[in-house]
Amino acid sequence: MALVTEKFEFTRPQVLTLSAGSLQLLFGWLDLFGLDPNYHVIQIGVGVLGLVMAWRLQHARVYGLLLLVGFGMLALSSDDVTTEGFLAVRTALIGLVILLARPAREGRSWWARR
C-alpha cells in the first residue's frame, strides 16, 4: 500500500501536521521535561488531533490555526517563565509554520517528488 496515489497525496502542511502531532503525542506520553500531569493530557490530546487532522489539507490548516491561537493565548496569559510557557510558545510557532507552509507548486505532492 503506497502513501501516494492518484487520489491520495500528502502536501507539506499535512506532513508538518503529522510530524507535529506525532511529536506532541510522544512528548505527552513520555515525561521528558518533568511537566505537570495535566499538561501531558493536553499534549496527548493535541497529538491525537494532529494525527487525525493530517489526512486533509484543509484540516491540517485548521490544526495549525488551532495551535497558533490556542497555545499563543496560553503563552500570552502566562505571567512567569516556565517550561510549560516555553512549550506553549514553541507549539504556537509550529502552528504558524503549518498555517503558512505552501503546498507543492505543481500538481504533484511533496512525497511524490522525493
PDB file of N, CA and C in Angstrom:
ATOM      1  N   MET A   1       0.840  -1.175   0.000  1.00  0.00           N
ATOM      2  CA  MET A   1       0.000   0.000   0.000  1.00  0.00           C
ATOM      3  C   MET A   1       0.884   1.237   0.000  1.00  0.00           C
ATOM      4  N   ALA A   2       0.742   2.064  -0.983  1.00  0.00           N
ATOM      5  CA  ALA A   2       1.565   3.261  -1.109  1.00  0.00           C
ATOM      6  C   ALA A   2       0.901   4.437  -0.409  1.00  0.00           C
ATOM      7  N   LEU A   3       1.736   5.338   0.101  1.00  0.00           N
ATOM      8  CA  LEU A   3       1.210   6.538   0.726  1.00  0.00           C
ATOM      9  C   LEU A   3       0.776   7.569  -0.293  1.00  0.00           C
ATOM     10  N   VAL A   4       1.295   7.475  -1.500  1.00  0.00           N
ATOM     11  CA  VAL A   4       0.970   8.448  -2.531  1.00  0.00           C
ATOM     12  C   VAL A   4       0.317   7.720  -3.692  1.00  0.00           C
ATOM     13  N   THR A   5      -0.901   8.094  -4.004  1.00  0.00           N
ATOM     14  CA  THR A   5      -1.595   7.562  -5.160  1.00  0.00           C
ATOM     15  C   THR A   5      -2.165   8.731  -5.938  1.00  0.00           C
ATOM     16  N   GLU A   6      -2.904   8.429  -6.982  1.00  0.00           N
ATOM     17  CA  GLU A   6      -3.516   9.498  -7.769  1.00  0.00           C
ATOM     18  C   GLU A   6      -4.541  10.273  -6.954  1.00  0.00           C
ATOM     19  N   LYS A   7      -5.239   9.602  -6.050  1.00  0.00           N
ATOM     20  CA  LYS A   7      -6.300  10.245  -5.280  1.00  0.00           C
ATOM     21  C   LYS A   7      -5.814  10.746  -3.927  1.00  0.00           C
ATOM     22  N   PHE A   8      -4.749  10.177  -3.405  1.00  0.00           N
ATOM     23  CA  PHE A   8      -4.324  10.462  -2.044  1.00  0.00           C
ATOM     24  C   PHE A   8      -2.877  10.925  -2.043  1.00  0.00           C
ATOM     25  N   GLU A   9      -2.656  12.217  -1.772  1.00  0.00           N
ATOM     26  CA  GLU A   9      -1.314  12.779  -1.750  1.00  0.00           C
ATOM     27  C   GLU A   9      -1.145  13.629  -0.497  1.00  0.00           C
ATOM     28  N   PHE A  10       0.038  13.586   0.072  1.00  0.00           N
ATOM     29  CA  PHE A  10       0.360  14.420   1.217  1.00  0.00           C
ATOM     30  C   PHE A  10       1.050  15.694   0.735  1.00  0.00           C
ATOM     31  N   THR A  11       0.617  16.828   1.237  1.00  0.00           N
ATOM     32  CA  THR A  11       1.254  18.101   0.951  1.00  0.00           C
ATOM     33  C   THR A  11       2.140  18.473   2.135  1.00  0.00           C
ATOM     34  N   ARG A  12       2.898  19.545   1.994  1.00  0.00           N
ATOM     35  CA  ARG A  12       3.787  19.967   3.079  1.00  0.00           C
ATOM     36  C   ARG A  12       3.042  20.253   4.375  1.00  0.00           C
ATOM     37  N   PRO A  13       1.935  21.003   4.367  1.00  0.00           N
ATOM     38  CA  PRO A  13       1.234  21.230   5.629  1.00  0.00           C
ATOM     39  C   PRO A  13       0.741  19.934   6.277  1.00  0.00           C
ATOM     40  N   GLN A  14       0.356  18.966   5.475  1.00  0.00           N
ATOM     41  CA  GLN A  14      -0.099  17.692   6.027  1.00  0.00           C
ATOM     42  C   GLN A  14       1.053  16.931   6.668  1.00  0.00           C
ATOM     43  N   VAL A  15       2.219  16.951   6.031  1.00  0.00           N
ATOM     44  CA  VAL A  15       3.388  16.280   6.598  1.00  0.00           C
ATOM     45  C   VAL A  15       3.796  16.965   7.896  1.00  0.00           C
ATOM     46  N   LEU A  16       3.760  18.304   7.909  1.00  0.00           N
ATOM     47  CA  LEU A  16       4.090  19.034   9.130  1.00  0.00           C
ATOM     48  C   LEU A  16       3.085  18.739  10.242  1.00  0.00           C
ATOM     49  N   THR A  17       1.807  18.637   9.893  1.00  0.00           N
ATOM     50  CA  THR A  17       0.783  18.321  10.880  1.00  0.00           C
ATOM     51  C   THR A  17       0.976  16.923  11.430  1.00  0.00           C
ATOM     52  N   LEU A  18       1.274  15.980  10.560  1.00  0.00           N
ATOM     53  CA  LEU A  18       1.518  14.610  11.003  1.00  0.00           C
ATOM     54  C   LEU A  18       2.751  14.535  11.903  1.00  0.00           C
ATOM     55  N   SER A  19       3.789  15.260  11.545  1.00  0.00           N
ATOM     56  CA  SER A  19       5.006  15.276  12.363  1.00  0.00           C
ATOM     57  C   SER A  19       4.767  15.944  13.711  1.00  0.00           C
ATOM     58  N   ALA A  20       4.091  17.102  13.692  1.00  0.00           N
ATOM     59  CA  ALA A  20       3.816  17.810  14.935  1.00  0.00           C
ATOM     60  C   ALA A  20       2.910  16.991  15.846  1.00  0.00           C
ATOM     61  N   GLY A  21       1.904  16.346  15.278  1.00  0.00           N
ATOM     62  CA  GLY A  21       1.020  15.502  16.073  1.00  0.00           C
ATOM     63  C   GLY A  21       1.752  14.317  16.676  1.00  0.00           C
ATOM     64  N   SER A  22       2.645  13.712  15.902  1.00  0.00           N
ATOM     65  CA  SER A  22       3.418  12.577  16.407  1.00  0.00           C
ATOM     66  C   SER A  22       4.339  13.000  17.541  1.00  0.00           C
ATOM     67  N   LEU A  23       5.013  14.140  17.373  1.00  0.00           N
ATOM     68  CA  LEU A  23       5.904  14.620  18.428  1.00  0.00           C
ATOM     69  C   LEU A  23       5.139  15.032  19.678  1.00  0.00           C
ATOM     70  N   GLN A  24       3.984  15.678  19.499  1.00  0.00           N
ATOM     71  CA  GLN A  24       3.171  16.034  20.669  1.00  0.00           C
ATOM     72  C   GLN A  24       2.725  14.787  21.418  1.00  0.00           C
ATOM     73  N   LEU A  25       2.323  13.774  20.676  1.00  0.00           N
ATOM     74  CA  LEU A  25       1.901  12.521  21.293  1.00  0.00           C
ATOM     75  C   LEU A  25       3.071  11.855  22.024  1.00  0.00           C
ATOM     76  N   LEU A  26       4.234  11.867  21.416  1.00  0.00           N
ATOM     77  CA  LEU A  26       5.419  11.281  22.036  1.00  0.00           C
ATOM     78  C   LEU A  26       5.811  12.036  23.303  1.00  0.00           C
ATOM     79  N   PHE A  27       5.867  13.363  23.233  1.00  0.00           N
ATOM     80  CA  PHE A  27       6.236  14.154  24.403  1.00  0.00           C
ATOM     81  C   PHE A  27       5.177  14.081  25.497  1.00  0.00           C
ATOM     82  N   GLY A  28       3.918  13.909  25.110  1.00  0.00           N
ATOM     83  CA  GLY A  28       2.863  13.748  26.109  1.00  0.00           C
ATOM     84  C   GLY A  28       2.933  12.397  26.794  1.00  0.00           C
ATOM     85  N   TRP A  29       3.336  11.391  26.044  1.00  0.00           N
ATOM     86  CA  TRP A  29       3.411  10.036  26.602  1.00  0.00           C
ATOM     87  C   TRP A  29       4.626   9.876  27.518  1.00  0.00           C
ATOM     88  N   LEU A  30       5.754  10.402  27.063  1.00  0.00           N
ATOM     89  CA  LEU A  30       6.987  10.314  27.849  1.00  0.00           C
ATOM     90  C   LEU A  30       7.121  11.548  28.736  1.00  0.00           C
ATOM     91  N   ASP A  31       7.666  11.381  29.912  1.00  0.00           N
ATOM     92  CA  ASP A  31       7.850  12.509  30.822  1.00  0.00           C
ATOM     93  C   ASP A  31       9.284  13.015  30.679  1.00  0.00           C
ATOM     94  N   LEU A  32       9.561  13.728  29.582  1.00  0.00           N
ATOM     95  CA  LEU A  32      10.913  14.187  29.311  1.00  0.00           C
ATOM     96  C   LEU A  32      11.281  15.450  30.068  1.00  0.00           C
ATOM     97  N   PHE A  33      10.312  16.321  30.303  1.00  0.00           N
ATOM     98  CA  PHE A  33      10.614  17.614  30.886  1.00  0.00           C
ATOM     99  C   PHE A  33      10.113  17.760  32.316  1.00  0.00           C
ATOM    100  N   GLY A  34       9.532  16.740  32.898  1.00  0.00           N
ATOM    101  CA  GLY A  34       9.000  16.827  34.246  1.00  0.00           C
ATOM    102  C   GLY A  34       7.863  17.832  34.361  1.00  0.00           C
ATOM    103  N   LEU A  35       6.926  17.774  33.449  1.00  0.00           N
ATOM    104  CA  LEU A  35       5.826  18.735  33.386  1.00  0.00           C
ATOM    105  C   LEU A  35       4.681  18.328  34.304  1.00  0.00           C
ATOM    106  N   ASP A  36       3.755  19.240  34.449  1.00  0.00           N
ATOM    107  CA  ASP A  36       2.518  18.990  35.178  1.00  0.00           C
ATOM    108  C   ASP A  36       1.750  17.870  34.471  1.00  0.00           C
ATOM    109  N   PRO A  37       1.188  16.920  35.208  1.00  0.00           N
ATOM    110  CA  PRO A  37       0.445  15.821  34.565  1.00  0.00           C
ATOM    111  C   PRO A  37      -0.721  16.303  33.703  1.00  0.00           C
ATOM    112  N   ASN A  38      -1.338  17.416  34.058  1.00  0.00           N
ATOM    113  CA  ASN A  38      -2.427  17.954  33.238  1.00  0.00           C
ATOM    114  C   ASN A  38      -1.916  18.406  31.867  1.00  0.00           C
ATOM    115  N   TYR A  39      -0.691  18.901  31.823  1.00  0.00           N
ATOM    116  CA  TYR A  39      -0.122  19.325  30.550  1.00  0.00           C
ATOM    117  C   TYR A  39       0.148  18.122  29.652  1.00  0.00           C
ATOM    118  N   HIS A  40       0.470  16.974  30.257  1.00  0.00           N
ATOM    119  CA  HIS A  40       0.651  15.755  29.475  1.00  0.00           C
ATOM    120  C   HIS A  40      -0.654  15.350  28.790  1.00  0.00           C
ATOM    121  N   VAL A  41      -1.755  15.508  29.477  1.00  0.00           N
ATOM    122  CA  VAL A  41      -3.057  15.187  28.891  1.00  0.00           C
ATOM    123  C   VAL A  41      -3.337  16.102  27.703  1.00  0.00           C
ATOM    124  N   ILE A  42      -2.992  17.386  27.845  1.00  0.00           N
ATOM    125  CA  ILE A  42      -3.186  18.337  26.748  1.00  0.00           C
ATOM    126  C   ILE A  42      -2.311  17.944  25.562  1.00  0.00           C
ATOM    127  N   GLN A  43      -1.052  17.584  25.822  1.00  0.00           N
ATOM    128  CA  GLN A  43      -0.161  17.194  24.730  1.00  0.00           C
ATOM    129  C   GLN A  43      -0.645  15.938  24.024  1.00  0.00           C
ATOM    130  N   ILE A  44      -1.125  14.965  24.767  1.00  0.00           N
ATOM    131  CA  ILE A  44      -1.641  13.745  24.138  1.00  0.00           C
ATOM    132  C   ILE A  44      -2.865  14.063  23.288  1.00  0.00           C
ATOM    133  N   GLY A  45      -3.759  14.891  23.808  1.00  0.00           N
ATOM    134  CA  GLY A  45      -4.946  15.276  23.039  1.00  0.00           C
ATOM    135  C   GLY A  45      -4.594  16.031  21.772  1.00  0.00           C
ATOM    136  N   VAL A  46      -3.655  16.972  21.873  1.00  0.00           N
ATOM    137  CA  VAL A  46      -3.224  17.740  20.696  1.00  0.00           C
ATOM    138  C   VAL A  46      -2.506  16.830  19.705  1.00  0.00           C
ATOM    139  N   GLY A  47      -1.755  15.856  20.201  1.00  0.00           N
ATOM    140  CA  GLY A  47      -1.072  14.914  19.324  1.00  0.00           C
ATOM    141  C   GLY A  47      -2.035  14.040  18.549  1.00  0.00           C
ATOM    142  N   VAL A  48      -3.035  13.508  19.230  1.00  0.00           N
ATOM    143  CA  VAL A  48      -4.037  12.683  18.552  1.00  0.00           C
ATOM    144  C   VAL A  48      -4.815  13.518  17.542  1.00  0.00           C
ATOM    145  N   LEU A  49      -5.139  14.748  17.917  1.00  0.00           N
ATOM    146  CA  LEU A  49      -5.842  15.639  16.996  1.00  0.00           C
ATOM    147  C   LEU A  49      -5.002  15.900  15.743  1.00  0.00           C
ATOM    148  N   GLY A  50      -3.693  16.058  15.910  1.00  0.00           N
ATOM    149  CA  GLY A  50      -2.809  16.263  14.763  1.00  0.00           C
ATOM    150  C   GLY A  50      -2.759  15.059  13.848  1.00  0.00           C
ATOM    151  N   LEU A  51      -2.716  13.865  14.436  1.00  0.00           N
ATOM    152  CA  LEU A  51      -2.699  12.652  13.617  1.00  0.00           C
ATOM    153  C   LEU A  51      -3.990  12.498  12.823  1.00  0.00           C
ATOM    154  N   VAL A  52      -5.102  12.858  13.437  1.00  0.00           N
ATOM    155  CA  VAL A  52      -6.401  12.725  12.769  1.00  0.00           C
ATOM    156  C   VAL A  52      -6.576  13.798  11.690  1.00  0.00           C
ATOM    157  N   MET A  53      -6.132  15.022  11.968  1.00  0.00           N
ATOM    158  CA  MET A  53      -6.372  16.130  11.045  1.00  0.00           C
ATOM    159  C   MET A  53      -5.350  16.204   9.901  1.00  0.00           C
ATOM    160  N   ALA A  54      -4.351  15.355   9.917  1.00  0.00           N
ATOM    161  CA  ALA A  54      -3.325  15.401   8.871  1.00  0.00           C
ATOM    162  C   ALA A  54      -3.796  14.809   7.547  1.00  0.00           C
ATOM    163  N   TRP A  55      -4.932  14.175   7.510  1.00  0.00           N
ATOM    164  CA  TRP A  55      -5.346  13.449   6.299  1.00  0.00           C
ATOM    165  C   TRP A  55      -5.941  14.331   5.217  1.00  0.00           C
ATOM    166  N   ARG A  56      -6.285  15.565   5.535  1.00  0.00           N
ATOM    167  CA  ARG A  56      -6.790  16.502   4.516  1.00  0.00           C
ATOM    168  C   ARG A  56      -6.088  17.842   4.688  1.00  0.00           C
ATOM    169  N   LEU A  57      -5.828  18.518   3.586  1.00  0.00           N
ATOM    170  CA  LEU A  57      -5.111  19.786   3.619  1.00  0.00           C
ATOM    171  C   LEU A  57      -5.870  20.838   4.419  1.00  0.00           C
ATOM    172  N   GLN A  58      -7.174  20.924   4.210  1.00  0.00           N
ATOM    173  CA  GLN A  58      -7.964  21.923   4.933  1.00  0.00           C
ATOM    174  C   GLN A  58      -7.928  21.671   6.436  1.00  0.00           C
ATOM    175  N   HIS A  59      -7.987  20.408   6.829  1.00  0.00           N
ATOM    176  CA  HIS A  59      -7.944  20.079   8.253  1.00  0.00           C
ATOM    177  C   HIS A  59      -6.564  20.377   8.840  1.00  0.00           C
ATOM    178  N   ALA A  60      -5.520  20.163   8.050  1.00  0.00           N
ATOM    179  CA  ALA A  60      -4.170  20.473   8.512  1.00  0.00           C
ATOM    180  C   ALA A  60      -4.022  21.973   8.755  1.00  0.00           C
ATOM    181  N   ARG A  61      -4.590  22.776   7.880  1.00  0.00           N
ATOM    182  CA  ARG A  61      -4.553  24.232   8.062  1.00  0.00           C
ATOM    183  C   ARG A  61      -5.319  24.646   9.319  1.00  0.00           C
ATOM    184  N   VAL A  62      -6.466  24.045   9.555  1.00  0.00           N
ATOM    185  CA  VAL A  62      -7.250  24.348  10.760  1.00  0.00           C
ATOM    186  C   VAL A  62      -6.464  23.944  12.006  1.00  0.00           C
ATOM    187  N   TYR A  63      -5.770  22.809  11.949  1.00  0.00           N
ATOM    188  CA  TYR A  63      -4.937  22.370  13.067  1.00  0.00           C
ATOM    189  C   TYR A  63      -3.845  23.404  13.354  1.00  0.00           C
ATOM    190  N   GLY A  64      -3.201  23.916  12.314  1.00  0.00           N
ATOM    191  CA  GLY A  64      -2.197  24.962  12.504  1.00  0.00           C
ATOM    192  C   GLY A  64      -2.787  26.208  13.135  1.00  0.00           C
ATOM    193  N   LEU A  65      -3.976  26.592  12.707  1.00  0.00           N
ATOM    194  CA  LEU A  65      -4.648  27.752  13.284  1.00  0.00           C
ATOM    195  C   LEU A  65      -5.003  27.513  14.750  1.00  0.00           C
ATOM    196  N   LEU A  66      -5.487  26.311  15.057  1.00  0.00           N
ATOM    197  CA  LEU A  66      -5.810  25.979  16.448  1.00  0.00           C
ATOM    198  C   LEU A  66      -4.568  26.015  17.338  1.00  0.00           C
ATOM    199  N   LEU A  67      -3.460  25.487  16.835  1.00  0.00           N
ATOM    200  CA  LEU A  67      -2.218  25.541  17.614  1.00  0.00           C
ATOM    201  C   LEU A  67      -1.773  26.983  17.824  1.00  0.00           C
ATOM    202  N   LEU A  68      -1.821  27.776  16.769  1.00  0.00           N
ATOM    203  CA  LEU A  68      -1.380  29.160  16.860  1.00  0.00           C
ATOM    204  C   LEU A  68      -2.218  29.953  17.848  1.00  0.00           C
ATOM    205  N   VAL A  69      -3.520  29.872  17.720  1.00  0.00           N
ATOM    206  CA  VAL A  69      -4.401  30.660  18.588  1.00  0.00           C
ATOM    207  C   VAL A  69      -4.435  30.094  20.013  1.00  0.00           C
ATOM    208  N   GLY A  70      -4.622  28.782  20.130  1.00  0.00           N
ATOM    209  CA  GLY A  70      -4.754  28.180  21.456  1.00  0.00           C
ATOM    210  C   GLY A  70      -3.496  28.305  22.294  1.00  0.00           C
ATOM    211  N   PHE A  71      -2.382  27.868  21.746  1.00  0.00           N
ATOM    212  CA  PHE A  71      -1.148  27.920  22.516  1.00  0.00           C
ATOM    213  C   PHE A  71      -0.555  29.325  22.552  1.00  0.00           C
ATOM    214  N   GLY A  72      -0.875  30.157  21.575  1.00  0.00           N
ATOM    215  CA  GLY A  72      -0.467  31.562  21.637  1.00  0.00           C
ATOM    216  C   GLY A  72      -1.147  32.284  22.777  1.00  0.00           C
ATOM    217  N   MET A  73      -2.435  32.037  22.954  1.00  0.00           N
ATOM    218  CA  MET A  73      -3.159  32.638  24.087  1.00  0.00           C
ATOM    219  C   MET A  73      -2.641  32.086  25.416  1.00  0.00           C
ATOM    220  N   LEU A  74      -2.323  30.811  25.444  1.00  0.00           N
ATOM    221  CA  LEU A  74      -1.771  30.200  26.653  1.00  0.00           C
ATOM    222  C   LEU A  74      -0.416  30.815  27.000  1.00  0.00           C
ATOM    223  N   ALA A  75       0.406  31.057  25.994  1.00  0.00           N
ATOM    224  CA  ALA A  75       1.721  31.655  26.233  1.00  0.00           C
ATOM    225  C   ALA A  75       1.597  33.108  26.669  1.00  0.00           C
ATOM    226  N   LEU A  76       0.658  33.842  26.087  1.00  0.00           N
ATOM    227  CA  LEU A  76       0.488  35.243  26.457  1.00  0.00           C
ATOM    228  C   LEU A  76      -0.136  35.419  27.838  1.00  0.00           C
ATOM    229  N   SER A  77      -0.894  34.440  28.275  1.00  0.00           N
ATOM    230  CA  SER A  77      -1.539  34.565  29.582  1.00  0.00           C
ATOM    231  C   SER A  77      -0.629  34.153  30.729  1.00  0.00           C
ATOM    232  N   SER A  78       0.510  33.572  30.421  1.00  0.00           N
ATOM    233  CA  SER A  78       1.452  33.145  31.463  1.00  0.00           C
ATOM    234  C   SER A  78       2.204  34.356  32.000  1.00  0.00           C
ATOM    235  N   ASP A  79       2.266  34.473  33.322  1.00  0.00           N
ATOM    236  CA  ASP A  79       2.941  35.609  33.956  1.00  0.00           C
ATOM    237  C   ASP A  79       4.427  35.367  34.172  1.00  0.00           C
ATOM    238  N   ASP A  80       4.824  34.126  34.369  1.00  0.00           N
ATOM    239  CA  ASP A  80       6.224  33.833  34.637  1.00  0.00           C
ATOM    240  C   ASP A  80       6.782  32.894  33.576  1.00  0.00           C
ATOM    241  N   VAL A  81       8.093  32.796  33.561  1.00  0.00           N
ATOM    242  CA  VAL A  81       8.759  31.946  32.580  1.00  0.00           C
ATOM    243  C   VAL A  81       8.855  30.535  33.159  1.00  0.00           C
ATOM    244  N   THR A  82       8.175  29.591  32.501  1.00  0.00           N
ATOM    245  CA  THR A  82       8.191  28.195  32.920  1.00  0.00           C
ATOM    246  C   THR A  82       8.437  27.320  31.704  1.00  0.00           C
ATOM    247  N   THR A  83       8.638  26.046  31.965  1.00  0.00           N
ATOM    248  CA  THR A  83       8.805  25.104  30.864  1.00  0.00           C
ATOM    249  C   THR A  83       7.525  25.006  30.057  1.00  0.00           C
ATOM    250  N   GLU A  84       6.369  25.018  30.739  1.00  0.00           N
ATOM    251  CA  GLU A  84       5.093  24.961  30.021  1.00  0.00           C
ATOM    252  C   GLU A  84       4.907  26.177  29.128  1.00  0.00           C
ATOM    253  N   GLY A  85       5.339  27.356  29.590  1.00  0.00           N
ATOM    254  CA  GLY A  85       5.244  28.566  28.783  1.00  0.00           C
ATOM    255  C   GLY A  85       6.125  28.495  27.544  1.00  0.00           C
ATOM    256  N   PHE A  86       7.348  27.971  27.719  1.00  0.00           N
ATOM    257  CA  PHE A  86       8.240  27.798  26.573  1.00  0.00           C
ATOM    258  C   PHE A  86       7.648  26.824  25.566  1.00  0.00           C
ATOM    259  N   LEU A  87       7.096  25.710  26.050  1.00  0.00           N
ATOM    260  CA  LEU A  87       6.495  24.728  25.145  1.00  0.00           C
ATOM    261  C   LEU A  87       5.260  25.294  24.460  1.00  0.00           C
ATOM    262  N   ALA A  88       4.534  26.181  25.137  1.00  0.00           N
ATOM    263  CA  ALA A  88       3.368  26.813  24.503  1.00  0.00           C
ATOM    264  C   ALA A  88       3.809  27.731  23.367  1.00  0.00           C
ATOM    265  N   VAL A  89       4.881  28.478  23.580  1.00  0.00           N
ATOM    266  CA  VAL A  89       5.404  29.346  22.517  1.00  0.00           C
ATOM    267  C   VAL A  89       5.889  28.499  21.343  1.00  0.00           C
ATOM    268  N   ARG A  90       6.615  27.424  21.644  1.00  0.00           N
ATOM    269  CA  ARG A  90       7.107  26.537  20.589  1.00  0.00           C
ATOM    270  C   ARG A  90       5.956  25.943  19.779  1.00  0.00           C
ATOM    271  N   THR A  91       4.902  25.502  20.460  1.00  0.00           N
ATOM    272  CA  THR A  91       3.764  24.894  19.769  1.00  0.00           C
ATOM    273  C   THR A  91       3.002  25.927  18.948  1.00  0.00           C
ATOM    274  N   ALA A  92       2.903  27.147  19.447  1.00  0.00           N
ATOM    275  CA  ALA A  92       2.249  28.205  18.672  1.00  0.00           C
ATOM    276  C   ALA A  92       3.040  28.514  17.406  1.00  0.00           C
ATOM    277  N   LEU A  93       4.360  28.518  17.489  1.00  0.00           N
ATOM    278  CA  LEU A  93       5.185  28.751  16.301  1.00  0.00           C
ATOM    279  C   LEU A  93       5.072  27.606  15.303  1.00  0.00           C
ATOM    280  N   ILE A  94       4.954  26.383  15.798  1.00  0.00           N
ATOM    281  CA  ILE A  94       4.728  25.239  14.908  1.00  0.00           C
ATOM    282  C   ILE A  94       3.397  25.412  14.177  1.00  0.00           C
ATOM    283  N   GLY A  95       2.376  25.873  14.885  1.00  0.00           N
ATOM    284  CA  GLY A  95       1.088  26.139  14.254  1.00  0.00           C
ATOM    285  C   GLY A  95       1.198  27.200  13.168  1.00  0.00           C
ATOM    286  N   LEU A  96       2.008  28.238  13.415  1.00  0.00           N
ATOM    287  CA  LEU A  96       2.213  29.278  12.406  1.00  0.00           C
ATOM    288  C   LEU A  96       2.900  28.723  11.168  1.00  0.00           C
ATOM    289  N   VAL A  97       3.888  27.858  11.367  1.00  0.00           N
ATOM    290  CA  VAL A  97       4.587  27.248  10.230  1.00  0.00           C
ATOM    291  C   VAL A  97       3.627  26.382   9.424  1.00  0.00           C
ATOM    292  N   ILE A  98       2.798  25.594  10.109  1.00  0.00           N
ATOM    293  CA  ILE A  98       1.814  24.757   9.407  1.00  0.00           C
ATOM    294  C   ILE A  98       0.841  25.621   8.626  1.00  0.00           C
ATOM    295  N   LEU A  99       0.421  26.700   9.240  1.00  0.00           N
ATOM    296  CA  LEU A  99      -0.557  27.578   8.601  1.00  0.00           C
ATOM    297  C   LEU A  99       0.008  28.268   7.367  1.00  0.00           C
ATOM    298  N   LEU A 100       1.287  28.640   7.407  1.00  0.00           N
ATOM    299  CA  LEU A 100       1.882  29.393   6.304  1.00  0.00           C
ATOM    300  C   LEU A 100       2.609  28.532   5.276  1.00  0.00           C
ATOM    301  N   ALA A 101       2.787  27.254   5.538  1.00  0.00           N
ATOM    302  CA  ALA A 101       3.502  26.382   4.601  1.00  0.00           C
ATOM    303  C   ALA A 101       2.713  26.248   3.312  1.00  0.00           C
ATOM    304  N   ARG A 102       3.423  26.327   2.220  1.00  0.00           N
ATOM    305  CA  ARG A 102       2.785  26.209   0.911  1.00  0.00           C
ATOM    306  C   ARG A 102       2.697  24.745   0.506  1.00  0.00           C
ATOM    307  N   PRO A 103       1.584  24.354  -0.085  1.00  0.00           N
ATOM    308  CA  PRO A 103       1.550  23.023  -0.708  1.00  0.00           C
ATOM    309  C   PRO A 103       2.496  23.019  -1.898  1.00  0.00           C
ATOM    310  N   ALA A 104       2.661  21.889  -2.534  1.00  0.00           N
ATOM    311  CA  ALA A 104       3.557  21.784  -3.684  1.00  0.00           C
ATOM    312  C   ALA A 104       3.118  22.739  -4.781  1.00  0.00           C
ATOM    313  N   ARG A 105       4.060  23.290  -5.504  1.00  0.00           N
ATOM    314  CA  ARG A 105       3.744  24.218  -6.588  1.00  0.00           C
ATOM    315  C   ARG A 105       3.051  23.526  -7.743  1.00  0.00           C
ATOM    316  N   GLU A 106       3.486  22.314  -8.014  1.00  0.00           N
ATOM    317  CA  GLU A 106       2.912  21.567  -9.122  1.00  0.00           C
ATOM    318  C   GLU A 106       1.743  20.737  -8.621  1.00  0.00           C
ATOM    319  N   GLY A 107       1.192  19.943  -9.496  1.00  0.00           N
ATOM    320  CA  GLY A 107       0.114  19.057  -9.111  1.00  0.00           C
ATOM    321  C   GLY A 107       0.584  17.902  -8.250  1.00  0.00           C
ATOM    322  N   ARG A 108       1.881  17.605  -8.305  1.00  0.00           N
ATOM    323  CA  ARG A 108       2.414  16.503  -7.519  1.00  0.00           C
ATOM    324  C   ARG A 108       2.667  16.964  -6.091  1.00  0.00           C
ATOM    325  N   SER A 109       2.556  16.059  -5.163  1.00  0.00           N
ATOM    326  CA  SER A 109       2.755  16.417  -3.763  1.00  0.00           C
ATOM    327  C   SER A 109       4.227  16.363  -3.396  1.00  0.00           C
ATOM    328  N   TRP A 110       4.529  16.759  -2.197  1.00  0.00           N
ATOM    329  CA  TRP A 110       5.881  16.760  -1.670  1.00  0.00           C
ATOM    330  C   TRP A 110       6.450  15.348  -1.616  1.00  0.00           C
ATOM    331  N   TRP A 111       5.624  14.363  -1.218  1.00  0.00           N
ATOM    332  CA  TRP A 111       6.085  12.983  -1.126  1.00  0.00           C
ATOM    333  C   TRP A 111       6.421  12.411  -2.495  1.00  0.00           C
ATOM    334  N   ALA A 112       5.668  12.813  -3.524  1.00  0.00           N
ATOM    335  CA  ALA A 112       5.870  12.229  -4.847  1.00  0.00           C
ATOM    336  C   ALA A 112       7.181  12.720  -5.468  1.00  0.00           C
ATOM    337  N   ARG A 113       7.706  13.862  -5.050  1.00  0.00           N
ATOM    338  CA  ARG A 113       8.935  14.395  -5.631  1.00  0.00           C
ATOM    339  C   ARG A 113      10.178  13.850  -4.973  1.00  0.00           C
ATOM    340  N   ARG A 114      10.048  13.087  -3.928  1.00  0.00           N
ATOM    341  CA  ARG A 114      11.223  12.557  -3.225  1.00  0.00           C
ATOM    342  C   ARG A 114      12.017  11.624  -4.066  1.00  0.00           C
TER     343      ARG A 114
END
